Amino acid sequence: MVEDMRNNIAHRYLRYDNQLPIEEREIGWNSWANILYGYGTQSQQGGINGYNTYRTGIQIGTDYEINQDALIGVSLAYNYAKADAKQRNASKEN
């Protein structure tokens, strides 16, 4: 009984995460969305300046199950990225 409960929870999680195998997807049209996010940082090391990076966005799409082995669909995505170098020291001698 406990194993059945675990399988049911895992199955529900995969459905919410749009990760179900194609044979377990809804027949017909399916829509989905993903939130994109990333962050990175590097402190100054060995004379090399550090940096910060940041990325966020969204991806949405829809697909249609043609048959057991094929899907057709479209998706759109928007992504914003920013990079900032730390302790930039630039000089020019004349």
PDB file of N, CA and C in Angstrom:
ATOM      1  N   MET A   1       0.807  -1.188   0.000  1.00  0.00           N
ATOM      2  CA  MET A   1       0.000   0.000   0.000  1.00  0.00           C
ATOM      3  C   MET A   1       0.859   1.265   0.000  1.00  0.00           C
ATOM      4  N   VAL A   2       1.919   1.274   0.800  1.00  0.00           N
ATOM      5  CA  VAL A   2       2.808   2.434   0.855  1.00  0.00           C
ATOM      6  C   VAL A   2       3.476   2.653  -0.500  1.00  0.00           C
ATOM      7  N   GLU A   3       3.873   1.564  -1.146  1.00  0.00           N
ATOM      8  CA  GLU A   3       4.502   1.682  -2.466  1.00  0.00           C
ATOM      9  C   GLU A   3       3.537   2.273  -3.488  1.00  0.00           C
ATOM     10  N   ASP A   4       2.268   1.878  -3.433  1.00  0.00           N
ATOM     11  CA  ASP A   4       1.257   2.457  -4.324  1.00  0.00           C
ATOM     12  C   ASP A   4       1.106   3.954  -4.078  1.00  0.00           C
ATOM     13  N   MET A   5       1.144   4.362  -2.812  1.00  0.00           N
ATOM     14  CA  MET A   5       1.041   5.785  -2.484  1.00  0.00           C
ATOM     15  C   MET A   5       2.237   6.556  -3.034  1.00  0.00           C
ATOM     16  N   ARG A   6       3.440   5.992  -2.906  1.00  0.00           N
ATOM     17  CA  ARG A   6       4.644   6.647  -3.437  1.00  0.00           C
ATOM     18  C   ARG A   6       4.565   6.779  -4.952  1.00  0.00           C
ATOM     19  N   ASN A   7       4.131   5.725  -5.629  1.00  0.00           N
ATOM     20  CA  ASN A   7       4.001   5.782  -7.085  1.00  0.00           C
ATOM     21  C   ASN A   7       2.983   6.831  -7.503  1.00  0.00           C
ATOM     22  N   ASN A   8       1.875   6.929  -6.780  1.00  0.00           N
ATOM     23  CA  ASN A   8       0.850   7.918  -7.086  1.00  0.00           C
ATOM     24  C   ASN A   8       1.396   9.335  -6.926  1.00  0.00           C
ATOM     25  N   ILE A   9       2.139   9.579  -5.851  1.00  0.00           N
ATOM     26  CA  ILE A   9       2.736  10.902  -5.628  1.00  0.00           C
ATOM     27  C   ILE A   9       3.746  11.219  -6.721  1.00  0.00           C
ATOM     28  N   ALA A  10       4.600  10.263  -7.071  1.00  0.00           N
ATOM     29  CA  ALA A  10       5.588  10.488  -8.128  1.00  0.00           C
ATOM     30  C   ALA A  10       4.901  10.781  -9.455  1.00  0.00           C
ATOM     31  N   HIS A  11       3.840  10.060  -9.762  1.00  0.00           N
ATOM     32  CA  HIS A  11       3.103  10.266 -11.004  1.00  0.00           C
ATOM     33  C   HIS A  11       2.490  11.662 -11.044  1.00  0.00           C
ATOM     34  N   ARG A  12       1.900  12.095  -9.931  1.00  0.00           N
ATOM     35  CA  ARG A  12       1.311  13.438  -9.875  1.00  0.00           C
ATOM     36  C   ARG A  12       2.374  14.510 -10.038  1.00  0.00           C
ATOM     37  N   TYR A  13       3.544  14.329  -9.416  1.00  0.00           N
ATOM     38  CA  TYR A  13       4.622  15.296  -9.545  1.00  0.00           C
ATOM     39  C   TYR A  13       5.047  15.429 -11.004  1.00  0.00           C
ATOM     40  N   LEU A  14       5.224  14.308 -11.684  1.00  0.00           N
ATOM     41  CA  LEU A  14       5.627  14.354 -13.082  1.00  0.00           C
ATOM     42  C   LEU A  14       4.568  15.034 -13.938  1.00  0.00           C
ATOM     43  N   ARG A  15       3.299  14.831 -13.636  1.00  0.00           N
ATOM     44  CA  ARG A  15       2.238  15.489 -14.396  1.00  0.00           C
ATOM     45  C   ARG A  15       2.314  17.001 -14.199  1.00  0.00           C
ATOM     46  N   TYR A  16       2.510  17.455 -12.960  1.00  0.00           N
ATOM     47  CA  TYR A  16       2.597  18.893 -12.695  1.00  0.00           C
ATOM     48  C   TYR A  16       3.848  19.497 -13.318  1.00  0.00           C
ATOM     49  N   ASP A  17       4.904  18.726 -13.417  1.00  0.00           N
ATOM     50  CA  ASP A  17       6.170  19.212 -13.955  1.00  0.00           C
ATOM     51  C   ASP A  17       6.258  19.013 -15.470  1.00  0.00           C
ATOM     52  N   ASN A  18       5.183  18.567 -16.113  1.00  0.00           N
ATOM     53  CA  ASN A  18       5.138  18.310 -17.560  1.00  0.00           C
ATOM     54  C   ASN A  18       6.244  17.363 -18.007  1.00  0.00           C
ATOM     55  N   GLN A  19       6.519  16.348 -17.223  1.00  0.00           N
ATOM     56  CA  GLN A  19       7.573  15.407 -17.549  1.00  0.00           C
ATOM     57  C   GLN A  19       7.050  13.995 -17.786  1.00  0.00           C
ATOM     58  N   LEU A  20       5.758  13.848 -17.942  1.00  0.00           N
ATOM     59  CA  LEU A  20       5.217  12.513 -18.168  1.00  0.00           C
ATOM     60  C   LEU A  20       5.657  11.978 -19.526  1.00  0.00           C
ATOM     61  N   PRO A  21       5.917  10.691 -19.622  1.00  0.00           N
ATOM     62  CA  PRO A  21       6.195  10.104 -20.932  1.00  0.00           C
ATOM     63  C   PRO A  21       5.016  10.340 -21.870  1.00  0.00           C
ATOM     64  N   ILE A  22       5.282  10.346 -23.165  1.00  0.00           N
ATOM     65  CA  ILE A  22       4.242  10.668 -24.143  1.00  0.00           C
ATOM     66  C   ILE A  22       3.035   9.744 -24.023  1.00  0.00           C
ATOM     67  N   GLU A  23       3.242   8.477 -23.663  1.00  0.00           N
ATOM     68  CA  GLU A  23       2.101   7.563 -23.574  1.00  0.00           C
ATOM     69  C   GLU A  23       1.184   7.891 -22.399  1.00  0.00           C
ATOM     70  N   GLU A  24       1.619   8.740 -21.470  1.00  0.00           N
ATOM     71  CA  GLU A  24       0.788   9.106 -20.331  1.00  0.00           C
ATOM     72  C   GLU A  24       0.282  10.545 -20.414  1.00  0.00           C
ATOM     73  N   ARG A  25       0.532  11.222 -21.515  1.00  0.00           N
ATOM     74  CA  ARG A  25       0.067  12.595 -21.674  1.00  0.00           C
ATOM     75  C   ARG A  25      -1.394  12.595 -22.090  1.00  0.00           C
ATOM     76  N   GLU A  26      -2.036  13.758 -21.936  1.00  0.00           N
ATOM     77  CA  GLU A  26      -3.413  13.912 -22.381  1.00  0.00           C
ATOM     78  C   GLU A  26      -3.457  13.830 -23.903  1.00  0.00           C
ATOM     79  N   ILE A  27      -4.462  13.180 -24.443  1.00  0.00           N
ATOM     80  CA  ILE A  27      -4.630  13.095 -25.889  1.00  0.00           C
ATOM     81  C   ILE A  27      -5.083  14.456 -26.389  1.00  0.00           C
ATOM     82  N   GLY A  28      -4.532  14.880 -27.513  1.00  0.00           N
ATOM     83  CA  GLY A  28      -4.891  16.179 -28.086  1.00  0.00           C
ATOM     84  C   GLY A  28      -3.878  17.244 -27.714  1.00  0.00           C
ATOM     85  N   TRP A  29      -4.379  18.455 -27.500  1.00  0.00           N
ATOM     86  CA  TRP A  29      -3.521  19.606 -27.214  1.00  0.00           C
ATOM     87  C   TRP A  29      -3.077  19.630 -25.759  1.00  0.00           C
ATOM     88  N   ASN A  30      -1.818  19.969 -25.549  1.00  0.00           N
ATOM     89  CA  ASN A  30      -1.243  20.155 -24.216  1.00  0.00           C
ATOM     90  C   ASN A  30      -0.500  21.486 -24.201  1.00  0.00           C
ATOM     91  N   SER A  31      -0.665  22.256 -23.154  1.00  0.00           N
ATOM     92  CA  SER A  31       0.046  23.523 -22.990  1.00  0.00           C
ATOM     93  C   SER A  31       0.972  23.420 -21.789  1.00  0.00           C
ATOM     94  N   TRP A  32       2.043  24.205 -21.809  1.00  0.00           N
ATOM     95  CA  TRP A  32       3.008  24.156 -20.726  1.00  0.00           C
ATOM     96  C   TRP A  32       3.721  25.496 -20.607  1.00  0.00           C
ATOM     97  N   ALA A  33       4.360  25.707 -19.484  1.00  0.00           N
ATOM     98  CA  ALA A  33       5.147  26.916 -19.239  1.00  0.00           C
ATOM     99  C   ALA A  33       6.332  26.563 -18.349  1.00  0.00           C
ATOM    100  N   ASN A  34       7.451  27.221 -18.585  1.00  0.00           N
ATOM    101  CA  ASN A  34       8.652  27.047 -17.768  1.00  0.00           C
ATOM    102  C   ASN A  34       9.168  28.419 -17.361  1.00  0.00           C
ATOM    103  N   ILE A  35       9.588  28.540 -16.127  1.00  0.00           N
ATOM    104  CA  ILE A  35      10.243  29.755 -15.661  1.00  0.00           C
ATOM    105  C   ILE A  35      11.744  29.501 -15.704  1.00  0.00           C
ATOM    106  N   LEU A  36      12.481  30.430 -16.291  1.00  0.00           N
ATOM    107  CA  LEU A  36      13.922  30.304 -16.449  1.00  0.00           C
ATOM    108  C   LEU A  36      14.610  31.228 -15.451  1.00  0.00           C
ATOM    109  N   TYR A  37      15.643  30.739 -14.790  1.00  0.00           N
ATOM    110  CA  TYR A  37      16.351  31.556 -13.820  1.00  0.00           C
ATOM    111  C   TYR A  37      17.778  31.043 -13.678  1.00  0.00           C
ATOM    112  N   GLY A  38      18.700  31.947 -13.563  1.00  0.00           N
ATOM    113  CA  GLY A  38      20.079  31.565 -13.319  1.00  0.00           C
ATOM    114  C   GLY A  38      20.837  32.705 -12.666  1.00  0.00           C
ATOM    115  N   TYR A  39      21.799  32.370 -11.831  1.00  0.00           N
ATOM    116  CA  TYR A  39      22.606  33.366 -11.141  1.00  0.00           C
ATOM    117  C   TYR A  39      23.998  32.796 -10.945  1.00  0.00           C
ATOM    118  N   GLY A  40      24.994  33.621 -11.128  1.00  0.00           N
ATOM    119  CA  GLY A  40      26.358  33.173 -10.903  1.00  0.00           C
ATOM    120  C   GLY A  40      27.211  34.316 -10.391  1.00  0.00           C
ATOM    121  N   THR A  41      28.232  33.987  -9.651  1.00  0.00           N
ATOM    122  CA  THR A  41      29.153  34.996  -9.136  1.00  0.00           C
ATOM    123  C   THR A  41      30.547  34.394  -9.032  1.00  0.00           C
ATOM    124  N   GLN A  42      31.529  35.235  -9.232  1.00  0.00           N
ATOM    125  CA  GLN A  42      32.924  34.818  -9.093  1.00  0.00           C
ATOM    126  C   GLN A  42      33.666  35.964  -8.429  1.00  0.00           C
ATOM    127  N   SER A  43      34.303  35.708  -7.318  1.00  0.00           N
ATOM    128  CA  SER A  43      35.074  36.760  -6.656  1.00  0.00           C
ATOM    129  C   SER A  43      36.434  36.896  -7.337  1.00  0.00           C
ATOM    130  N   GLN A  44      37.099  38.015  -7.064  1.00  0.00           N
ATOM    131  CA  GLN A  44      38.407  38.260  -7.656  1.00  0.00           C
ATOM    132  C   GLN A  44      39.392  37.200  -7.180  1.00  0.00           C
ATOM    133  N   GLN A  45      40.140  36.629  -8.128  1.00  0.00           N
ATOM    134  CA  GLN A  45      41.114  35.592  -7.786  1.00  0.00           C
ATOM    135  C   GLN A  45      42.352  35.757  -8.643  1.00  0.00           C
ATOM    136  N   GLY A  46      43.500  35.759  -8.031  1.00  0.00           N
ATOM    137  CA  GLY A  46      44.759  35.779  -8.759  1.00  0.00           C
ATOM    138  C   GLY A  46      44.888  36.917  -9.751  1.00  0.00           C
ATOM    139  N   GLY A  47      44.440  38.099  -9.384  1.00  0.00           N
ATOM    140  CA  GLY A  47      44.549  39.249 -10.275  1.00  0.00           C
ATOM    141  C   GLY A  47      43.482  39.314 -11.351  1.00  0.00           C
ATOM    142  N   ILE A  48      42.575  38.359 -11.364  1.00  0.00           N
ATOM    143  CA  ILE A  48      41.486  38.359 -12.347  1.00  0.00           C
ATOM    144  C   ILE A  48      40.238  38.907 -11.668  1.00  0.00           C
ATOM    145  N   ASN A  49      39.630  39.910 -12.302  1.00  0.00           N
ATOM    146  CA  ASN A  49      38.444  40.535 -11.727  1.00  0.00           C
ATOM    147  C   ASN A  49      37.295  39.545 -11.617  1.00  0.00           C
ATOM    148  N   GLY A  50      36.445  39.763 -10.627  1.00  0.00           N
ATOM    149  CA  GLY A  50      35.266  38.928 -10.445  1.00  0.00           C
ATOM    150  C   GLY A  50      34.088  39.448 -11.255  1.00  0.00           C
ATOM    151  N   TYR A  51      32.961  38.757 -11.156  1.00  0.00           N
ATOM    152  CA  TYR A  51      31.768  39.159 -11.898  1.00  0.00           C
ATOM    153  C   TYR A  51      30.517  38.587 -11.239  1.00  0.00           C
ATOM    154  N   ASN A  52      29.383  39.168 -11.611  1.00  0.00           N
ATOM    155  CA  ASN A  52      28.057  38.653 -11.261  1.00  0.00           C
ATOM    156  C   ASN A  52      27.285  38.456 -12.553  1.00  0.00           C
ATOM    157  N   THR A  53      26.514  37.409 -12.644  1.00  0.00           N
ATOM    158  CA  THR A  53      25.615  37.207 -13.781  1.00  0.00           C
ATOM    159  C   THR A  53      24.225  36.878 -13.254  1.00  0.00           C
ATOM    160  N   TYR A  54      23.238  37.267 -14.031  1.00  0.00           N
ATOM    161  CA  TYR A  54      21.850  37.062 -13.637  1.00  0.00           C
ATOM    162  C   TYR A  54      21.038  36.822 -14.901  1.00  0.00           C
ATOM    163  N   ARG A  55      20.139  35.867 -14.853  1.00  0.00           N
ATOM    164  CA  ARG A  55      19.295  35.561 -16.011  1.00  0.00           C
ATOM    165  C   ARG A  55      17.916  35.163 -15.517  1.00  0.00           C
ATOM    166  N   THR A  56      16.886  35.667 -16.197  1.00  0.00           N
ATOM    167  CA  THR A  56      15.519  35.278 -15.879  1.00  0.00           C
ATOM    168  C   THR A  56      14.693  35.309 -17.159  1.00  0.00           C
ATOM    169  N   GLY A  57      13.632  34.554 -17.190  1.00  0.00           N
ATOM    170  CA  GLY A  57      12.782  34.538 -18.373  1.00  0.00           C
ATOM    171  C   GLY A  57      11.626  33.575 -18.215  1.00  0.00           C
ATOM    172  N   ILE A  58      10.885  33.444 -19.289  1.00  0.00           N
ATOM    173  CA  ILE A  58       9.735  32.545 -19.308  1.00  0.00           C
ATOM    174  C   ILE A  58       9.652  31.891 -20.682  1.00  0.00           C
ATOM    175  N   GLN A  59       9.171  30.676 -20.713  1.00  0.00           N
ATOM    176  CA  GLN A  59       8.949  29.942 -21.955  1.00  0.00           C
ATOM    177  C   GLN A  59       7.561  29.322 -21.870  1.00  0.00           C
ATOM    178  N   ILE A  60       6.768  29.523 -22.913  1.00  0.00           N
ATOM    179  CA  ILE A  60       5.436  28.926 -22.969  1.00  0.00           C
ATOM    180  C   ILE A  60       5.296  28.184 -24.285  1.00  0.00           C
ATOM    181  N   GLY A  61       4.451  27.187 -24.294  1.00  0.00           N
ATOM    182  CA  GLY A  61       4.276  26.435 -25.522  1.00  0.00           C
ATOM    183  C   GLY A  61       3.040  25.567 -25.492  1.00  0.00           C
ATOM    184  N   THR A  62       2.751  25.035 -26.638  1.00  0.00           N
ATOM    185  CA  THR A  62       1.652  24.090 -26.779  1.00  0.00           C
ATOM    186  C   THR A  62       2.074  23.036 -27.791  1.00  0.00           C
ATOM    187  N   ASP A  63       1.581  21.844 -27.619  1.00  0.00           N
ATOM    188  CA  ASP A  63       1.881  20.785 -28.576  1.00  0.00           C
ATOM    189  C   ASP A  63       0.667  19.885 -28.741  1.00  0.00           C
ATOM    190  N   TYR A  64       0.686  19.143 -29.831  1.00  0.00           N
ATOM    191  CA  TYR A  64      -0.414  18.248 -30.171  1.00  0.00           C
ATOM    192  C   TYR A  64       0.163  16.874 -30.459  1.00  0.00           C
ATOM    193  N   GLU A  65      -0.436  15.858 -29.862  1.00  0.00           N
ATOM    194  CA  GLU A  65       0.013  14.488 -30.082  1.00  0.00           C
ATOM    195  C   GLU A  65      -0.569  13.987 -31.394  1.00  0.00           C
ATOM    196  N   ILE A  66       0.300  13.800 -32.390  1.00  0.00           N
ATOM    197  CA  ILE A  66      -0.132  13.292 -33.690  1.00  0.00           C
ATOM    198  C   ILE A  66      -0.443  11.808 -33.585  1.00  0.00           C
ATOM    199  N   ASN A  67       0.478  11.065 -32.994  1.00  0.00           N
ATOM    200  CA  ASN A  67       0.285   9.645 -32.710  1.00  0.00           C
ATOM    201  C   ASN A  67       1.186   9.281 -31.534  1.00  0.00           C
ATOM    202  N   GLN A  68       1.281   8.018 -31.225  1.00  0.00           N
ATOM    203  CA  GLN A  68       2.052   7.545 -30.069  1.00  0.00           C
ATOM    204  C   GLN A  68       3.519   7.956 -30.142  1.00  0.00           C
ATOM    205  N   ASP A  69       4.046   8.174 -31.352  1.00  0.00           N
ATOM    206  CA  ASP A  69       5.470   8.438 -31.520  1.00  0.00           C
ATOM    207  C   ASP A  69       5.804   9.863 -31.924  1.00  0.00           C
ATOM    208  N   ALA A  70       4.819  10.739 -32.091  1.00  0.00           N
ATOM    209  CA  ALA A  70       5.140  12.064 -32.619  1.00  0.00           C
ATOM    210  C   ALA A  70       4.279  13.163 -32.009  1.00  0.00           C
ATOM    211  N   LEU A  71       4.928  14.299 -31.786  1.00  0.00           N
ATOM    212  CA  LEU A  71       4.269  15.522 -31.333  1.00  0.00           C
ATOM    213  C   LEU A  71       4.614  16.637 -32.311  1.00  0.00           C
ATOM    214  N   ILE A  72       3.742  17.609 -32.415  1.00  0.00           N
ATOM    215  CA  ILE A  72       4.038  18.829 -33.156  1.00  0.00           C
ATOM    216  C   ILE A  72       3.615  19.982 -32.257  1.00  0.00           C
ATOM    217  N   GLY A  73       4.396  21.038 -32.245  1.00  0.00           N
ATOM    218  CA  GLY A  73       4.047  22.136 -31.355  1.00  0.00           C
ATOM    219  C   GLY A  73       4.871  23.374 -31.620  1.00  0.00           C
ATOM    220  N   VAL A  74       4.565  24.405 -30.856  1.00  0.00           N
ATOM    221  CA  VAL A  74       5.288  25.671 -30.941  1.00  0.00           C
ATOM    222  C   VAL A  74       5.570  26.165 -29.524  1.00  0.00           C
ATOM    223  N   SER A  75       6.603  26.979 -29.410  1.00  0.00           N
ATOM    224  CA  SER A  75       6.891  27.601 -28.123  1.00  0.00           C
ATOM    225  C   SER A  75       7.490  28.980 -28.362  1.00  0.00           C
ATOM    226  N   LEU A  76       7.317  29.837 -27.387  1.00  0.00           N
ATOM    227  CA  LEU A  76       7.890  31.179 -27.387  1.00  0.00           C
ATOM    228  C   LEU A  76       8.640  31.360 -26.080  1.00  0.00           C
ATOM    229  N   ALA A  77       9.726  32.117 -26.144  1.00  0.00           N
ATOM    230  CA  ALA A  77      10.501  32.346 -24.929  1.00  0.00           C
ATOM    231  C   ALA A  77      11.003  33.781 -24.898  1.00  0.00           C
ATOM    232  N   TYR A  78      11.120  34.301 -23.697  1.00  0.00           N
ATOM    233  CA  TYR A  78      11.732  35.604 -23.458  1.00  0.00           C
ATOM    234  C   TYR A  78      12.770  35.400 -22.367  1.00  0.00           C
ATOM    235  N   ASN A  79      13.958  35.974 -22.577  1.00  0.00           N
ATOM    236  CA  ASN A  79      15.036  35.819 -21.616  1.00  0.00           C
ATOM    237  C   ASN A  79      15.733  37.162 -21.424  1.00  0.00           C
ATOM    238  N   TYR A  80      16.002  37.525 -20.182  1.00  0.00           N
ATOM    239  CA  TYR A  80      16.733  38.740 -19.841  1.00  0.00           C
ATOM    240  C   TYR A  80      18.005  38.319 -19.127  1.00  0.00           C
ATOM    241  N   ALA A  81      19.137  38.865 -19.560  1.00  0.00           N
ATOM    242  CA  ALA A  81      20.410  38.519 -18.935  1.00  0.00           C
ATOM    243  C   ALA A  81      21.200  39.784 -18.628  1.00  0.00           C
ATOM    244  N   LYS A  82      21.936  39.744 -17.527  1.00  0.00           N
ATOM    245  CA  LYS A  82      22.753  40.875 -17.111  1.00  0.00           C
ATOM    246  C   LYS A  82      24.064  40.338 -16.558  1.00  0.00           C
ATOM    247  N   ALA A  83      25.159  40.974 -16.941  1.00  0.00           N
ATOM    248  CA  ALA A  83      26.470  40.620 -16.409  1.00  0.00           C
ATOM    249  C   ALA A  83      27.136  41.892 -15.896  1.00  0.00           C
ATOM    250  N   ASP A  84      27.793  41.797 -14.756  1.00  0.00           N
ATOM    251  CA  ASP A  84      28.438  42.951 -14.145  1.00  0.00           C
ATOM    252  C   ASP A  84      29.826  42.534 -13.681  1.00  0.00           C
ATOM    253  N   ALA A  85      30.862  43.163 -14.278  1.00  0.00           N
ATOM    254  CA  ALA A  85      32.236  42.876 -13.867  1.00  0.00           C
ATOM    255  C   ALA A  85      32.562  43.683 -12.618  1.00  0.00           C
ATOM    256  N   LYS A  86      33.201  43.050 -11.661  1.00  0.00           N
ATOM    257  CA  LYS A  86      33.564  43.714 -10.406  1.00  0.00           C
ATOM    258  C   LYS A  86      34.952  44.333 -10.515  1.00  0.00           C
ATOM    259  N   GLN A  87      35.151  45.437  -9.847  1.00  0.00           N
ATOM    260  CA  GLN A  87      36.457  46.080  -9.703  1.00  0.00           C
ATOM    261  C   GLN A  87      37.158  46.261 -11.038  1.00  0.00           C
ATOM    262  N   ARG A  88      36.456  46.874 -11.956  1.00  0.00           N
ATOM    263  CA  ARG A  88      37.061  47.132 -13.262  1.00  0.00           C
ATOM    264  C   ARG A  88      38.056  48.281 -13.128  1.00  0.00           C
ATOM    265  N   ASN A  89      39.281  48.056 -13.473  1.00  0.00           N
ATOM    266  CA  ASN A  89      40.320  49.084 -13.455  1.00  0.00           C
ATOM    267  C   ASN A  89      40.863  49.213 -14.865  1.00  0.00           C
ATOM    268  N   ALA A  90      40.507  50.289 -15.503  1.00  0.00           N
ATOM    269  CA  ALA A  90      40.985  50.511 -16.861  1.00  0.00           C
ATOM    270  C   ALA A  90      41.702  51.856 -16.900  1.00  0.00           C
ATOM    271  N   SER A  91      42.857  51.883 -17.510  1.00  0.00           N
ATOM    272  CA  SER A  91      43.585  53.145 -17.669  1.00  0.00           C
ATOM    273  C   SER A  91      44.335  53.121 -18.983  1.00  0.00           C
ATOM    274  N   LYS A  92      44.622  54.318 -19.462  1.00  0.00           N
ATOM    275  CA  LYS A  92      45.350  54.452 -20.718  1.00  0.00           C
ATOM    276  C   LYS A  92      46.438  55.484 -20.504  1.00  0.00           C
ATOM    277  N   GLU A  93      47.646  55.126 -20.834  1.00  0.00           N
ATOM    278  CA  GLU A  93      48.763  56.061 -20.696  1.00  0.00           C
ATOM    279  C   GLU A  93      49.058  56.668 -22.051  1.00  0.00           C
ATOM    280  N   ASN A  94      49.284  57.993 -22.073  1.00  0.00           N
ATOM    281  CA  ASN A  94      49.628  58.697 -23.325  1.00  0.00           C
ATOM    282  C   ASN A  94      51.089  58.999 -23.358  1.00  0.00           C
TER     283      ASN A  94
END
